[in-house]
Amino acid sequence: MKYTVEAMLTQLGYTINESVMSQMENIIKNTKNFLDIQKHIVQLNDALKPFQAYVAMSNSNNYLKIKNESSNESLKEVDDMINKWANKYKIGLKKVEGKETYYIIGKD
């Protein structure tokens, strides 16, 4: 199933406007094999919500990022969930140094 840019933004909780549409289009172009992994990204976002973690657009890079703002007790559990997800779907992540954040680089 192929998501439209608008559907992807809505699934991630964004209000649709020209600016976010353009930003998401750049992220899609920059993320390797985005169309193959977009449904997995939405599924991960849904699974992370109860832990105060989520998938969002990065303001500094043309990637989606996974931001883990969960409590100290849940940090490791959420981190493990993210890494299992990436390994299962063979999705490349780049950890942001000093933060509980990963960039979704794409799938080889």
C-alpha atoms as a PDB file:
ATOM      1  CA  MET A   1       0.000   0.000   0.000  1.00  0.00           C
ATOM      2  CA  LYS A   2       1.383   3.362  -0.993  1.00  0.00           C
ATOM      3  CA  TYR A   3       0.690   6.346   1.228  1.00  0.00           C
ATOM      4  CA  THR A   4       0.308   9.792  -0.232  1.00  0.00           C
ATOM      5  CA  VAL A   5       2.379  12.620   1.216  1.00  0.00           C
ATOM      6  CA  GLU A   6      -0.796  14.016   2.799  1.00  0.00           C
ATOM      7  CA  ALA A   7      -1.730  10.671   4.357  1.00  0.00           C
ATOM      8  CA  MET A   8       1.756  10.191   5.763  1.00  0.00           C
ATOM      9  CA  LEU A   9       1.713  13.657   7.318  1.00  0.00           C
ATOM     10  CA  THR A  10      -1.731  13.063   8.793  1.00  0.00           C
ATOM     11  CA  GLN A  11      -0.638   9.704  10.242  1.00  0.00           C
ATOM     12  CA  LEU A  12       2.291  11.471  11.926  1.00  0.00           C
ATOM     13  CA  GLY A  13       0.009  14.177  13.332  1.00  0.00           C
ATOM     14  CA  TYR A  14       0.903  17.124  11.112  1.00  0.00           C
ATOM     15  CA  THR A  15      -1.446  19.783   9.809  1.00  0.00           C
ATOM     16  CA  ILE A  16      -1.253  19.874   6.026  1.00  0.00           C
ATOM     17  CA  ASN A  17       0.190  23.036   4.490  1.00  0.00           C
ATOM     18  CA  GLU A  18       2.619  23.866   1.671  1.00  0.00           C
ATOM     19  CA  SER A  19       5.636  24.077   3.963  1.00  0.00           C
ATOM     20  CA  VAL A  20       5.218  20.664   5.603  1.00  0.00           C
ATOM     21  CA  MET A  21       4.269  19.096   2.250  1.00  0.00           C
ATOM     22  CA  SER A  22       7.492  20.398   0.729  1.00  0.00           C
ATOM     23  CA  GLN A  23       9.533  19.245   3.725  1.00  0.00           C
ATOM     24  CA  MET A  24       8.014  15.746   3.574  1.00  0.00           C
ATOM     25  CA  GLU A  25       8.638  15.517  -0.171  1.00  0.00           C
ATOM     26  CA  ASN A  26      12.328  16.328   0.466  1.00  0.00           C
ATOM     27  CA  ILE A  27      12.463  13.688   3.212  1.00  0.00           C
ATOM     28  CA  ILE A  28      10.935  11.096   0.871  1.00  0.00           C
ATOM     29  CA  LYS A  29      13.504  11.904  -1.838  1.00  0.00           C
ATOM     30  CA  ASN A  30      16.361  11.752   0.675  1.00  0.00           C
ATOM     31  CA  THR A  31      15.326   8.509   2.419  1.00  0.00           C
ATOM     32  CA  LYS A  32      16.552   5.403   0.639  1.00  0.00           C
ATOM     33  CA  ASN A  33      13.626   3.231  -0.568  1.00  0.00           C
ATOM     34  CA  PHE A  34      11.103   5.298   1.387  1.00  0.00           C
ATOM     35  CA  LEU A  35       8.108   3.784  -0.393  1.00  0.00           C
ATOM     36  CA  ASP A  36       9.143   0.322   0.816  1.00  0.00           C
ATOM     37  CA  ILE A  37       9.225   1.357   4.477  1.00  0.00           C
ATOM     38  CA  GLN A  38       6.574   4.036   4.907  1.00  0.00           C
ATOM     39  CA  LYS A  39       3.923   1.683   6.321  1.00  0.00           C
ATOM     40  CA  HIS A  40       6.468   0.362   8.840  1.00  0.00           C
ATOM     41  CA  ILE A  41       7.232   3.932   9.919  1.00  0.00           C
ATOM     42  CA  VAL A  42       3.548   4.595  10.630  1.00  0.00           C
ATOM     43  CA  GLN A  43       3.274   1.308  12.545  1.00  0.00           C
ATOM     44  CA  LEU A  44       6.321   2.195  14.639  1.00  0.00           C
ATOM     45  CA  ASN A  45       4.917   5.641  15.391  1.00  0.00           C
ATOM     46  CA  ASP A  46       1.667   4.073  16.621  1.00  0.00           C
ATOM     47  CA  ALA A  47       3.572   1.572  18.799  1.00  0.00           C
ATOM     48  CA  LEU A  48       5.731   4.330  20.335  1.00  0.00           C
ATOM     49  CA  LYS A  49       2.918   6.737  21.297  1.00  0.00           C
ATOM     50  CA  PRO A  50       2.114   5.162  24.692  1.00  0.00           C
ATOM     51  CA  PHE A  51       5.771   5.667  25.702  1.00  0.00           C
ATOM     52  CA  GLN A  52       6.013   9.395  24.845  1.00  0.00           C
ATOM     53  CA  ALA A  53       8.129   8.534  21.822  1.00  0.00           C
ATOM     54  CA  TYR A  54       7.236   9.327  18.227  1.00  0.00           C
ATOM     55  CA  VAL A  55       8.310   9.742  14.611  1.00  0.00           C
ATOM     56  CA  ALA A  56       8.594  13.329  13.371  1.00  0.00           C
ATOM     57  CA  MET A  57      10.194  15.380  10.637  1.00  0.00           C
ATOM     58  CA  SER A  58      13.652  16.678  11.464  1.00  0.00           C
ATOM     59  CA  ASN A  59      14.096  20.435  11.274  1.00  0.00           C
ATOM     60  CA  SER A  60      17.838  20.165  10.643  1.00  0.00           C
ATOM     61  CA  ASN A  61      18.078  17.200   8.214  1.00  0.00           C
ATOM     62  CA  ASN A  62      15.931  15.817   5.393  1.00  0.00           C
ATOM     63  CA  TYR A  63      15.010  12.710   7.370  1.00  0.00           C
ATOM     64  CA  LEU A  64      12.294  11.524   9.641  1.00  0.00           C
ATOM     65  CA  LYS A  65      13.499  11.133  13.184  1.00  0.00           C
ATOM     66  CA  ILE A  66      12.475   8.868  16.018  1.00  0.00           C
ATOM     67  CA  LYS A  67      12.388  10.861  19.233  1.00  0.00           C
ATOM     68  CA  ASN A  68      12.331   8.989  22.535  1.00  0.00           C
ATOM     69  CA  GLU A  69      11.037  11.230  25.319  1.00  0.00           C
ATOM     70  CA  SER A  70       9.871   8.372  27.528  1.00  0.00           C
ATOM     71  CA  SER A  71      10.508   8.221  31.252  1.00  0.00           C
ATOM     72  CA  ASN A  72      13.836   6.941  32.533  1.00  0.00           C
ATOM     73  CA  GLU A  73      12.198   3.609  33.388  1.00  0.00           C
ATOM     74  CA  SER A  74      11.055   3.131  29.787  1.00  0.00           C
ATOM     75  CA  LEU A  75      14.062   4.531  27.884  1.00  0.00           C
ATOM     76  CA  LYS A  76      15.795   1.173  27.422  1.00  0.00           C
ATOM     77  CA  GLU A  77      12.539  -0.624  26.559  1.00  0.00           C
ATOM     78  CA  VAL A  78      11.733   1.941  23.868  1.00  0.00           C
ATOM     79  CA  ASP A  79      15.304   1.923  22.579  1.00  0.00           C
ATOM     80  CA  ASP A  80      15.116  -1.879  22.278  1.00  0.00           C
ATOM     81  CA  MET A  81      11.761  -1.579  20.483  1.00  0.00           C
ATOM     82  CA  ILE A  82      13.266   0.869  17.972  1.00  0.00           C
ATOM     83  CA  ASN A  83      16.300  -1.321  17.299  1.00  0.00           C
ATOM     84  CA  LYS A  84      14.216  -4.498  16.917  1.00  0.00           C
ATOM     85  CA  TRP A  85      11.982  -2.653  14.445  1.00  0.00           C
ATOM     86  CA  ALA A  86      14.989  -1.446  12.434  1.00  0.00           C
ATOM     87  CA  ASN A  87      16.546  -4.923  12.371  1.00  0.00           C
ATOM     88  CA  LYS A  88      13.281  -6.637  11.420  1.00  0.00           C
ATOM     89  CA  TYR A  89      12.684  -4.398   8.408  1.00  0.00           C
ATOM     90  CA  LYS A  90      16.388  -3.807   7.620  1.00  0.00           C
ATOM     91  CA  ILE A  91      16.046  -0.047   8.063  1.00  0.00           C
ATOM     92  CA  GLY A  92      19.123   2.073   8.576  1.00  0.00           C
ATOM     93  CA  LEU A  93      19.140   4.387  11.579  1.00  0.00           C
ATOM     94  CA  LYS A  94      21.630   7.044  12.608  1.00  0.00           C
ATOM     95  CA  LYS A  95      21.793   7.839  16.335  1.00  0.00           C
ATOM     96  CA  VAL A  96      22.090  11.510  17.224  1.00  0.00           C
ATOM     97  CA  GLU A  97      24.996  11.888  19.607  1.00  0.00           C
ATOM     98  CA  GLY A  98      23.969  12.806  23.144  1.00  0.00           C
ATOM     99  CA  LYS A  99      20.228  12.515  22.457  1.00  0.00           C
ATOM    100  CA  GLU A 100      17.558   9.846  22.503  1.00  0.00           C
ATOM    101  CA  THR A 101      16.930  10.451  18.816  1.00  0.00           C
ATOM    102  CA  TYR A 102      17.512   8.439  15.627  1.00  0.00           C
ATOM    103  CA  TYR A 103      17.304   9.518  12.000  1.00  0.00           C
ATOM    104  CA  ILE A 104      15.593   7.051   9.649  1.00  0.00           C
ATOM    105  CA  ILE A 105      18.116   6.810   6.812  1.00  0.00           C
ATOM    106  CA  GLY A 106      16.268   4.240   4.720  1.00  0.00           C
ATOM    107  CA  LYS A 107      16.397   0.656   3.547  1.00  0.00           C
ATOM    108  CA  ASP A 108      19.122  -0.889   1.414  1.00  0.00           C
END
